[in-house]
């Protein structure tokens, strides 16, 4: 979950180049994820389908295109980081 927070924070603070739509999506996803009690729930951040369903459920309506793209980026970011670490062993 730390990498999810880092990625969202990078967009919201301007450390990553973003569009107005991506900033809106990052803010929306950040607010939705803040509803989760991380002591009792697991965020499926490596599973795109489950992560999309979780965020849509928290939102209570379908996700916007920008939110979907950002969630895909989060999942790919995590998977690419894991693969990179495994290749460096």
Protein backbone atom coordinates (compact mmCIF):
# COMPACT_ATOMS: atom_id res chain seq x y z
CA UNK A 1 0.00 0.00 0.00
CA UNK A 2 2.98 2.26 0.51
CA UNK A 3 3.72 2.34 -3.23
CA UNK A 4 0.09 3.23 -3.96
CA UNK A 5 0.34 6.17 -1.57
CA UNK A 6 3.69 7.24 -3.02
CA UNK A 7 2.38 7.17 -6.58
CA UNK A 8 -0.77 9.13 -5.69
CA UNK A 9 1.25 11.63 -3.64
CA UNK A 10 3.68 12.12 -6.53
CA UNK A 11 0.81 13.13 -8.79
CA UNK A 12 -0.87 15.34 -6.21
CA UNK A 13 2.35 17.19 -5.33
CA UNK A 14 3.53 17.61 -8.91
CA UNK A 15 6.50 15.24 -8.71
CA UNK A 16 5.02 13.32 -11.65
CA UNK A 17 3.82 15.06 -14.77
CA UNK A 18 0.04 14.95 -14.83
CA UNK A 19 -3.00 16.36 -16.54
CA UNK A 20 -5.99 17.96 -14.88
CA UNK A 21 -7.88 14.68 -15.38
CA UNK A 22 -5.10 12.63 -13.75
CA UNK A 23 -4.96 15.01 -10.76
CA UNK A 24 -8.71 14.68 -10.34
CA UNK A 25 -8.46 10.88 -10.56
CA UNK A 26 -5.56 10.74 -8.07
CA UNK A 27 -7.45 12.88 -5.58
CA UNK A 28 -10.61 10.81 -6.01
CA UNK A 29 -8.83 7.48 -5.54
CA UNK A 30 -6.90 8.80 -2.54
CA UNK A 31 -10.14 9.93 -0.88
CA UNK A 32 -11.83 6.59 -1.62
CA UNK A 33 -8.92 4.55 -0.23
CA UNK A 34 -8.99 6.62 2.96
CA UNK A 35 -12.32 4.93 3.75
CA UNK A 36 -10.59 1.56 4.20
CA UNK A 37 -9.62 0.20 7.61
CA UNK A 38 -6.22 -1.22 6.67
CA UNK A 39 -5.98 -3.14 9.96
CA UNK A 40 -8.86 -5.38 8.92
CA UNK A 41 -8.94 -5.23 5.12
CA UNK A 42 -6.47 -6.05 2.38
CA UNK A 43 -6.27 -3.90 -0.75
CA UNK A 44 -5.80 -6.12 -3.83
CA UNK A 45 -3.27 -3.75 -5.37
CA UNK A 46 -1.68 -6.47 -7.52
CA UNK A 47 -4.97 -7.64 -9.03
CA UNK A 48 -6.42 -5.16 -11.51
CA UNK A 49 -9.94 -6.59 -11.65
CA UNK A 50 -10.33 -6.81 -7.87
CA UNK A 51 -8.76 -3.38 -7.29
CA UNK A 52 -11.15 -1.82 -9.84
CA UNK A 53 -14.13 -3.52 -8.18
CA UNK A 54 -13.03 -2.36 -4.72
CA UNK A 55 -12.64 1.29 -5.74
CA UNK A 56 -15.92 1.25 -7.72
CA UNK A 57 -17.67 -0.24 -4.69
CA UNK A 58 -16.26 2.46 -2.43
CA UNK A 59 -17.33 5.12 -4.93
CA UNK A 60 -20.82 3.66 -5.27
CA UNK A 61 -20.94 4.29 -9.00
CA UNK A 62 -18.87 3.45 -12.10
CA UNK A 63 -15.34 4.75 -12.23
CA UNK A 64 -14.37 7.48 -14.69
CA UNK A 65 -11.86 6.74 -17.44
CA UNK A 66 -9.10 8.67 -15.66
CA UNK A 67 -9.62 6.69 -12.46
CA UNK A 68 -9.44 3.40 -14.35
CA UNK A 69 -6.24 4.44 -16.11
CA UNK A 70 -4.64 5.49 -12.84
CA UNK A 71 -5.59 2.22 -11.14
CA UNK A 72 -4.06 0.35 -14.09
CA UNK A 73 -0.90 2.41 -13.62
CA UNK A 74 -0.84 1.58 -9.90
CA UNK A 75 -1.16 -2.15 -10.55
CA UNK A 76 1.47 -2.05 -13.30
CA UNK A 77 3.77 0.08 -11.13
CA UNK A 78 3.60 -2.49 -8.36
CA UNK A 79 4.02 -5.46 -10.71
CA UNK A 80 6.92 -3.82 -12.56
CA UNK A 81 8.63 -3.02 -9.26
CA UNK A 82 8.28 -6.63 -8.09
CA UNK A 83 9.58 -7.97 -11.42
CA UNK A 84 12.48 -5.52 -11.36
CA UNK A 85 13.43 -6.57 -7.84
CA UNK A 86 13.26 -10.26 -8.77
CA UNK A 87 15.44 -9.70 -11.82
CA UNK A 88 18.06 -7.92 -9.72
CA UNK A 89 18.58 -10.95 -7.43
